[in-house]
Every structure is written in structure tokens, then in C-alpha cells.
Amino acid sequence: MKNSRNERIVLDSWRRCAQAGLSPDSTRQLYPLSDQQLKTLCEQSHNNISAFESCAVPTAASLPKASAFLLVSQQGILLKKNT
């Protein structure tokens, strides 16, 4: 059974991506960071990453494998994922 509310949310997200000139399913990096920049950002976000690991990782173990938790910076840079 499809969830029409979730479908609407995803379609709205894709629409906003298209309006912003972005591909909603693009896998290319828009703003690549150097290894040092990413390391610095992760060091600055240490407390957030620790909290994420202590909460999201155990919770993810009880969810279906298709589930994921992502921690991103204020700029939308992926800092940590639960896998």
C-alpha cells in the first residue's frame, strides 16, 4: 500500500530541487571539500557526532535495513551516517 502523504512530500521535495536548478536524484558533489576541510568540520562537530552515534546507531539496529539516519552540517554537508 502506498502512502500518499509521503509521496506528496517526496514529490514536493523534487519540485523544489527542480525550481532551484538541481537534479533531485543527482549523485554528483555540488560543493566538494578537501579532506582537511572535512576533517576540520568533523572536529568542530565532535559533540553533535557523538550524540548522533549514541542515539541513532542503536535505534537504527531495530529498524528495517532500508532505514537510515544522516547527520548533516548547517550547510548540508554529510558528517555521519548510521552505517
PDB file of N, CA and C in Angstrom:
ATOM      1  N   MET A   1       0.842  -1.177   0.000  1.00  0.00           N
ATOM      2  CA  MET A   1       0.000   0.000   0.000  1.00  0.00           C
ATOM      3  C   MET A   1       0.888   1.242   0.000  1.00  0.00           C
ATOM      4  N   LYS A   2       0.568   2.171  -0.849  1.00  0.00           N
ATOM      5  CA  LYS A   2       1.349   3.400  -0.946  1.00  0.00           C
ATOM      6  C   LYS A   2       0.852   4.412   0.074  1.00  0.00           C
ATOM      7  N   ASN A   3       1.763   5.215   0.542  1.00  0.00           N
ATOM      8  CA  ASN A   3       1.420   6.272   1.484  1.00  0.00           C
ATOM      9  C   ASN A   3       1.388   7.581   0.705  1.00  0.00           C
ATOM     10  N   SER A   4       0.204   8.081   0.431  1.00  0.00           N
ATOM     11  CA  SER A   4       0.069   9.272  -0.413  1.00  0.00           C
ATOM     12  C   SER A   4       0.679  10.516   0.240  1.00  0.00           C
ATOM     13  N   ARG A   5       0.662  10.592   1.553  1.00  0.00           N
ATOM     14  CA  ARG A   5       1.277  11.742   2.229  1.00  0.00           C
ATOM     15  C   ARG A   5       2.781  11.746   1.976  1.00  0.00           C
ATOM     16  N   ASN A   6       3.425  10.598   2.134  1.00  0.00           N
ATOM     17  CA  ASN A   6       4.864  10.513   1.884  1.00  0.00           C
ATOM     18  C   ASN A   6       5.183  10.775   0.418  1.00  0.00           C
ATOM     19  N   GLU A   7       4.375  10.248  -0.470  1.00  0.00           N
ATOM     20  CA  GLU A   7       4.580  10.508  -1.904  1.00  0.00           C
ATOM     21  C   GLU A   7       4.528  12.002  -2.187  1.00  0.00           C
ATOM     22  N   ARG A   8       3.555  12.682  -1.597  1.00  0.00           N
ATOM     23  CA  ARG A   8       3.407  14.126  -1.785  1.00  0.00           C
ATOM     24  C   ARG A   8       4.637  14.871  -1.272  1.00  0.00           C
ATOM     25  N   ILE A   9       5.150  14.444  -0.121  1.00  0.00           N
ATOM     26  CA  ILE A   9       6.329  15.095   0.462  1.00  0.00           C
ATOM     27  C   ILE A   9       7.531  14.922  -0.457  1.00  0.00           C
ATOM     28  N   VAL A  10       7.739  13.723  -0.980  1.00  0.00           N
ATOM     29  CA  VAL A  10       8.865  13.465  -1.879  1.00  0.00           C
ATOM     30  C   VAL A  10       8.710  14.260  -3.172  1.00  0.00           C
ATOM     31  N   LEU A  11       7.524  14.248  -3.740  1.00  0.00           N
ATOM     32  CA  LEU A  11       7.295  14.999  -4.984  1.00  0.00           C
ATOM     33  C   LEU A  11       7.497  16.497  -4.776  1.00  0.00           C
ATOM     34  N   ASP A  12       7.056  17.007  -3.633  1.00  0.00           N
ATOM     35  CA  ASP A  12       7.281  18.423  -3.326  1.00  0.00           C
ATOM     36  C   ASP A  12       8.774  18.720  -3.213  1.00  0.00           C
ATOM     37  N   SER A  13       9.527  17.812  -2.611  1.00  0.00           N
ATOM     38  CA  SER A  13      10.973  17.987  -2.496  1.00  0.00           C
ATOM     39  C   SER A  13      11.622  18.003  -3.873  1.00  0.00           C
ATOM     40  N   TRP A  14      11.239  17.074  -4.740  1.00  0.00           N
ATOM     41  CA  TRP A  14      11.786  17.036  -6.103  1.00  0.00           C
ATOM     42  C   TRP A  14      11.446  18.316  -6.855  1.00  0.00           C
ATOM     43  N   ARG A  15      10.226  18.799  -6.661  1.00  0.00           N
ATOM     44  CA  ARG A  15       9.797  20.027  -7.335  1.00  0.00           C
ATOM     45  C   ARG A  15      10.661  21.215  -6.888  1.00  0.00           C
ATOM     46  N   ARG A  16      10.925  21.297  -5.584  1.00  0.00           N
ATOM     47  CA  ARG A  16      11.771  22.381  -5.073  1.00  0.00           C
ATOM     48  C   ARG A  16      13.194  22.269  -5.624  1.00  0.00           C
ATOM     49  N   CYS A  17      13.711  21.053  -5.737  1.00  0.00           N
ATOM     50  CA  CYS A  17      15.042  20.849  -6.326  1.00  0.00           C
ATOM     51  C   CYS A  17      15.063  21.361  -7.763  1.00  0.00           C
ATOM     52  N   ALA A  18      14.052  20.986  -8.523  1.00  0.00           N
ATOM     53  CA  ALA A  18      13.985  21.408  -9.920  1.00  0.00           C
ATOM     54  C   ALA A  18      13.883  22.923 -10.027  1.00  0.00           C
ATOM     55  N   GLN A  19      13.094  23.542  -9.162  1.00  0.00           N
ATOM     56  CA  GLN A  19      12.959  25.002  -9.176  1.00  0.00           C
ATOM     57  C   GLN A  19      14.279  25.689  -8.831  1.00  0.00           C
ATOM     58  N   ALA A  20      15.102  25.035  -8.033  1.00  0.00           N
ATOM     59  CA  ALA A  20      16.396  25.596  -7.660  1.00  0.00           C
ATOM     60  C   ALA A  20      17.486  25.253  -8.682  1.00  0.00           C
ATOM     61  N   GLY A  21      17.098  24.525  -9.727  1.00  0.00           N
ATOM     62  CA  GLY A  21      18.066  24.158 -10.756  1.00  0.00           C
ATOM     63  C   GLY A  21      18.898  22.942 -10.406  1.00  0.00           C
ATOM     64  N   LEU A  22      18.439  22.155  -9.439  1.00  0.00           N
ATOM     65  CA  LEU A  22      19.160  20.957  -9.012  1.00  0.00           C
ATOM     66  C   LEU A  22      18.417  19.709  -9.472  1.00  0.00           C
ATOM     67  N   SER A  23      19.169  18.669  -9.729  1.00  0.00           N
ATOM     68  CA  SER A  23      18.561  17.390 -10.049  1.00  0.00           C
ATOM     69  C   SER A  23      18.241  16.688  -8.733  1.00  0.00           C
ATOM     70  N   PRO A  24      16.994  16.272  -8.509  1.00  0.00           N
ATOM     71  CA  PRO A  24      16.652  15.662  -7.228  1.00  0.00           C
ATOM     72  C   PRO A  24      17.321  14.312  -7.013  1.00  0.00           C
ATOM     73  N   ASP A  25      17.807  13.674  -8.068  1.00  0.00           N
ATOM     74  CA  ASP A  25      18.433  12.361  -7.905  1.00  0.00           C
ATOM     75  C   ASP A  25      19.907  12.380  -8.314  1.00  0.00           C
ATOM     76  N   SER A  26      20.503  13.541  -8.335  1.00  0.00           N
ATOM     77  CA  SER A  26      21.903  13.663  -8.722  1.00  0.00           C
ATOM     78  C   SER A  26      22.808  13.120  -7.630  1.00  0.00           C
ATOM     79  N   THR A  27      23.864  12.428  -8.030  1.00  0.00           N
ATOM     80  CA  THR A  27      24.818  11.912  -7.056  1.00  0.00           C
ATOM     81  C   THR A  27      26.138  12.664  -7.110  1.00  0.00           C
ATOM     82  N   ARG A  28      26.223  13.662  -7.975  1.00  0.00           N
ATOM     83  CA  ARG A  28      27.482  14.395  -8.060  1.00  0.00           C
ATOM     84  C   ARG A  28      27.605  15.360  -6.889  1.00  0.00           C
ATOM     85  N   GLN A  29      28.834  15.633  -6.488  1.00  0.00           N
ATOM     86  CA  GLN A  29      29.052  16.577  -5.400  1.00  0.00           C
ATOM     87  C   GLN A  29      28.906  17.991  -5.929  1.00  0.00           C
ATOM     88  N   LEU A  30      28.112  18.791  -5.258  1.00  0.00           N
ATOM     89  CA  LEU A  30      27.947  20.177  -5.663  1.00  0.00           C
ATOM     90  C   LEU A  30      29.043  21.050  -5.090  1.00  0.00           C
ATOM     91  N   TYR A  31      29.441  20.769  -3.863  1.00  0.00           N
ATOM     92  CA  TYR A  31      30.439  21.581  -3.180  1.00  0.00           C
ATOM     93  C   TYR A  31      31.485  20.661  -2.554  1.00  0.00           C
ATOM     94  N   PRO A  32      32.405  20.158  -3.354  1.00  0.00           N
ATOM     95  CA  PRO A  32      33.386  19.222  -2.794  1.00  0.00           C
ATOM     96  C   PRO A  32      34.294  19.903  -1.780  1.00  0.00           C
ATOM     97  N   LEU A  33      34.602  19.190  -0.726  1.00  0.00           N
ATOM     98  CA  LEU A  33      35.509  19.680   0.299  1.00  0.00           C
ATOM     99  C   LEU A  33      36.811  18.904   0.204  1.00  0.00           C
ATOM    100  N   SER A  34      37.883  19.568   0.570  1.00  0.00           N
ATOM    101  CA  SER A  34      39.148  18.854   0.664  1.00  0.00           C
ATOM    102  C   SER A  34      39.078  17.952   1.894  1.00  0.00           C
ATOM    103  N   ASP A  35      39.959  16.978   1.956  1.00  0.00           N
ATOM    104  CA  ASP A  35      39.999  16.094   3.123  1.00  0.00           C
ATOM    105  C   ASP A  35      40.214  16.897   4.402  1.00  0.00           C
ATOM    106  N   GLN A  36      41.068  17.902   4.336  1.00  0.00           N
ATOM    107  CA  GLN A  36      41.354  18.722   5.522  1.00  0.00           C
ATOM    108  C   GLN A  36      40.130  19.534   5.949  1.00  0.00           C
ATOM    109  N   GLN A  37      39.399  20.082   4.980  1.00  0.00           N
ATOM    110  CA  GLN A  37      38.192  20.846   5.317  1.00  0.00           C
ATOM    111  C   GLN A  37      37.165  19.945   5.998  1.00  0.00           C
ATOM    112  N   LEU A  38      36.981  18.741   5.478  1.00  0.00           N
ATOM    113  CA  LEU A  38      36.024  17.813   6.070  1.00  0.00           C
ATOM    114  C   LEU A  38      36.483  17.395   7.466  1.00  0.00           C
ATOM    115  N   LYS A  39      37.769  17.138   7.633  1.00  0.00           N
ATOM    116  CA  LYS A  39      38.312  16.766   8.944  1.00  0.00           C
ATOM    117  C   LYS A  39      38.063  17.887   9.945  1.00  0.00           C
ATOM    118  N   THR A  40      38.327  19.119   9.561  1.00  0.00           N
ATOM    119  CA  THR A  40      38.112  20.271  10.442  1.00  0.00           C
ATOM    120  C   THR A  40      36.641  20.398  10.818  1.00  0.00           C
ATOM    121  N   LEU A  41      35.762  20.254   9.847  1.00  0.00           N
ATOM    122  CA  LEU A  41      34.322  20.342  10.103  1.00  0.00           C
ATOM    123  C   LEU A  41      33.882  19.248  11.074  1.00  0.00           C
ATOM    124  N   CYS A  42      34.389  18.039  10.893  1.00  0.00           N
ATOM    125  CA  CYS A  42      34.041  16.943  11.798  1.00  0.00           C
ATOM    126  C   CYS A  42      34.578  17.196  13.203  1.00  0.00           C
ATOM    127  N   GLU A  43      35.777  17.751  13.301  1.00  0.00           N
ATOM    128  CA  GLU A  43      36.334  18.082  14.618  1.00  0.00           C
ATOM    129  C   GLU A  43      35.483  19.143  15.315  1.00  0.00           C
ATOM    130  N   GLN A  44      35.022  20.134  14.559  1.00  0.00           N
ATOM    131  CA  GLN A  44      34.173  21.191  15.124  1.00  0.00           C
ATOM    132  C   GLN A  44      32.808  20.644  15.540  1.00  0.00           C
ATOM    133  N   SER A  45      32.387  19.571  14.908  1.00  0.00           N
ATOM    134  CA  SER A  45      31.070  18.985  15.169  1.00  0.00           C
ATOM    135  C   SER A  45      31.159  17.760  16.064  1.00  0.00           C
ATOM    136  N   HIS A  46      32.262  17.594  16.759  1.00  0.00           N
ATOM    137  CA  HIS A  46      32.510  16.395  17.560  1.00  0.00           C
ATOM    138  C   HIS A  46      31.357  16.081  18.519  1.00  0.00           C
ATOM    139  N   ASN A  47      30.863  17.069  19.258  1.00  0.00           N
ATOM    140  CA  ASN A  47      29.782  16.832  20.220  1.00  0.00           C
ATOM    141  C   ASN A  47      28.517  16.346  19.529  1.00  0.00           C
ATOM    142  N   ASN A  48      28.184  16.937  18.392  1.00  0.00           N
ATOM    143  CA  ASN A  48      26.996  16.515  17.646  1.00  0.00           C
ATOM    144  C   ASN A  48      27.166  15.099  17.115  1.00  0.00           C
ATOM    145  N   ILE A  49      28.343  14.788  16.617  1.00  0.00           N
ATOM    146  CA  ILE A  49      28.601  13.450  16.083  1.00  0.00           C
ATOM    147  C   ILE A  49      28.518  12.412  17.196  1.00  0.00           C
ATOM    148  N   SER A  50      29.063  12.722  18.363  1.00  0.00           N
ATOM    149  CA  SER A  50      28.997  11.793  19.500  1.00  0.00           C
ATOM    150  C   SER A  50      27.551  11.541  19.925  1.00  0.00           C
ATOM    151  N   ALA A  51      26.761  12.602  19.998  1.00  0.00           N
ATOM    152  CA  ALA A  51      25.344  12.445  20.361  1.00  0.00           C
ATOM    153  C   ALA A  51      24.610  11.623  19.310  1.00  0.00           C
ATOM    154  N   PHE A  52      24.909  11.877  18.048  1.00  0.00           N
ATOM    155  CA  PHE A  52      24.298  11.124  16.954  1.00  0.00           C
ATOM    156  C   PHE A  52      24.630   9.644  17.095  1.00  0.00           C
ATOM    157  N   GLU A  53      25.892   9.337  17.323  1.00  0.00           N
ATOM    158  CA  GLU A  53      26.313   7.937  17.433  1.00  0.00           C
ATOM    159  C   GLU A  53      25.654   7.236  18.617  1.00  0.00           C
ATOM    160  N   SER A  54      25.518   7.929  19.723  1.00  0.00           N
ATOM    161  CA  SER A  54      24.943   7.289  20.898  1.00  0.00           C
ATOM    162  C   SER A  54      23.432   7.088  20.787  1.00  0.00           C
ATOM    163  N   CYS A  55      22.764   7.861  19.944  1.00  0.00           N
ATOM    164  CA  CYS A  55      21.306   7.742  19.800  1.00  0.00           C
ATOM    165  C   CYS A  55      20.887   7.015  18.517  1.00  0.00           C
ATOM    166  N   ALA A  56      21.403   7.461  17.402  1.00  0.00           N
ATOM    167  CA  ALA A  56      20.935   6.953  16.115  1.00  0.00           C
ATOM    168  C   ALA A  56      21.398   5.534  15.825  1.00  0.00           C
ATOM    169  N   VAL A  57      22.624   5.230  16.150  1.00  0.00           N
ATOM    170  CA  VAL A  57      23.161   3.912  15.811  1.00  0.00           C
ATOM    171  C   VAL A  57      22.384   2.788  16.516  1.00  0.00           C
ATOM    172  N   PRO A  58      22.167   2.854  17.837  1.00  0.00           N
ATOM    173  CA  PRO A  58      21.381   1.793  18.473  1.00  0.00           C
ATOM    174  C   PRO A  58      19.930   1.748  17.970  1.00  0.00           C
ATOM    175  N   THR A  59      19.353   2.904  17.707  1.00  0.00           N
ATOM    176  CA  THR A  59      17.976   2.951  17.214  1.00  0.00           C
ATOM    177  C   THR A  59      17.885   2.318  15.836  1.00  0.00           C
ATOM    178  N   ALA A  60      18.856   2.592  14.982  1.00  0.00           N
ATOM    179  CA  ALA A  60      18.853   2.055  13.618  1.00  0.00           C
ATOM    180  C   ALA A  60      18.894   0.541  13.615  1.00  0.00           C
ATOM    181  N   ALA A  61      19.503  -0.051  14.610  1.00  0.00           N
ATOM    182  CA  ALA A  61      19.602  -1.510  14.673  1.00  0.00           C
ATOM    183  C   ALA A  61      18.224  -2.167  14.788  1.00  0.00           C
ATOM    184  N   SER A  62      17.250  -1.436  15.304  1.00  0.00           N
ATOM    185  CA  SER A  62      15.910  -2.001  15.468  1.00  0.00           C
ATOM    186  C   SER A  62      14.974  -1.669  14.304  1.00  0.00           C
ATOM    187  N   LEU A  63      15.470  -0.957  13.303  1.00  0.00           N
ATOM    188  CA  LEU A  63      14.655  -0.553  12.155  1.00  0.00           C
ATOM    189  C   LEU A  63      14.979  -1.405  10.933  1.00  0.00           C
ATOM    190  N   PRO A  64      14.105  -1.399   9.921  1.00  0.00           N
ATOM    191  CA  PRO A  64      14.391  -2.144   8.693  1.00  0.00           C
ATOM    192  C   PRO A  64      15.703  -1.679   8.061  1.00  0.00           C
ATOM    193  N   LYS A  65      16.356  -2.582   7.345  1.00  0.00           N
ATOM    194  CA  LYS A  65      17.655  -2.260   6.734  1.00  0.00           C
ATOM    195  C   LYS A  65      17.581  -1.081   5.775  1.00  0.00           C
ATOM    196  N   ALA A  66      16.432  -0.805   5.195  1.00  0.00           N
ATOM    197  CA  ALA A  66      16.285   0.303   4.251  1.00  0.00           C
ATOM    198  C   ALA A  66      16.275   1.659   4.955  1.00  0.00           C
ATOM    199  N   SER A  67      16.233   1.657   6.284  1.00  0.00           N
ATOM    200  CA  SER A  67      16.208   2.908   7.046  1.00  0.00           C
ATOM    201  C   SER A  67      17.617   3.458   7.204  1.00  0.00           C
ATOM    202  N   ALA A  68      17.704   4.774   7.327  1.00  0.00           N
ATOM    203  CA  ALA A  68      19.000   5.400   7.534  1.00  0.00           C
ATOM    204  C   ALA A  68      18.837   6.691   8.321  1.00  0.00           C
ATOM    205  N   PHE A  69      19.840   6.993   9.128  1.00  0.00           N
ATOM    206  CA  PHE A  69      19.929   8.269   9.816  1.00  0.00           C
ATOM    207  C   PHE A  69      21.145   8.985   9.247  1.00  0.00           C
ATOM    208  N   LEU A  70      20.975  10.241   8.906  1.00  0.00           N
ATOM    209  CA  LEU A  70      22.063  11.047   8.385  1.00  0.00           C
ATOM    210  C   LEU A  70      22.233  12.281   9.256  1.00  0.00           C
ATOM    211  N   LEU A  71      23.467  12.593   9.568  1.00  0.00           N
ATOM    212  CA  LEU A  71      23.776  13.819  10.303  1.00  0.00           C
ATOM    213  C   LEU A  71      24.462  14.757   9.329  1.00  0.00           C
ATOM    214  N   VAL A  72      23.883  15.926   9.141  1.00  0.00           N
ATOM    215  CA  VAL A  72      24.456  16.902   8.212  1.00  0.00           C
ATOM    216  C   VAL A  72      24.739  18.203   8.955  1.00  0.00           C
ATOM    217  N   SER A  73      25.704  18.936   8.421  1.00  0.00           N
ATOM    218  CA  SER A  73      26.035  20.240   8.996  1.00  0.00           C
ATOM    219  C   SER A  73      24.950  21.242   8.616  1.00  0.00           C
ATOM    220  N   GLN A  74      25.068  22.451   9.136  1.00  0.00           N
ATOM    221  CA  GLN A  74      24.119  23.507   8.780  1.00  0.00           C
ATOM    222  C   GLN A  74      24.177  23.820   7.294  1.00  0.00           C
ATOM    223  N   GLN A  75      25.303  23.521   6.653  1.00  0.00           N
ATOM    224  CA  GLN A  75      25.450  23.770   5.218  1.00  0.00           C
ATOM    225  C   GLN A  75      24.995  22.575   4.382  1.00  0.00           C
ATOM    226  N   GLY A  76      24.504  21.519   5.037  1.00  0.00           N
ATOM    227  CA  GLY A  76      24.034  20.343   4.333  1.00  0.00           C
ATOM    228  C   GLY A  76      25.124  19.354   3.974  1.00  0.00           C
ATOM    229  N   ILE A  77      26.270  19.440   4.622  1.00  0.00           N
ATOM    230  CA  ILE A  77      27.375  18.521   4.363  1.00  0.00           C
ATOM    231  C   ILE A  77      27.222  17.305   5.259  1.00  0.00           C
ATOM    232  N   LEU A  78      27.274  16.127   4.645  1.00  0.00           N
ATOM    233  CA  LEU A  78      27.132  14.878   5.391  1.00  0.00           C
ATOM    234  C   LEU A  78      28.318  14.700   6.323  1.00  0.00           C
ATOM    235  N   LEU A  79      27.996  14.581   7.627  1.00  0.00           N
ATOM    236  CA  LEU A  79      29.034  14.382   8.619  1.00  0.00           C
ATOM    237  C   LEU A  79      29.127  12.928   9.054  1.00  0.00           C
ATOM    238  N   LYS A  80      27.977  12.253   9.118  1.00  0.00           N
ATOM    239  CA  LYS A  80      27.945  10.883   9.621  1.00  0.00           C
ATOM    240  C   LYS A  80      26.662  10.231   9.169  1.00  0.00           C
ATOM    241  N   LYS A  81      26.743   8.922   8.880  1.00  0.00           N
ATOM    242  CA  LYS A  81      25.539   8.129   8.632  1.00  0.00           C
ATOM    243  C   LYS A  81      25.596   6.907   9.512  1.00  0.00           C
ATOM    244  N   ASN A  82      24.466   6.286   9.719  1.00  0.00           N
ATOM    245  CA  ASN A  82      24.402   5.203  10.701  1.00  0.00           C
ATOM    246  C   ASN A  82      24.973   3.880  10.215  1.00  0.00           C
ATOM    247  N   THR A  83      25.440   3.793   8.983  1.00  0.00           N
ATOM    248  CA  THR A  83      26.002   2.529   8.505  1.00  0.00           C
ATOM    249  C   THR A  83      27.480   2.611   8.337  1.00  0.00           C
TER     250      THR A  83
END
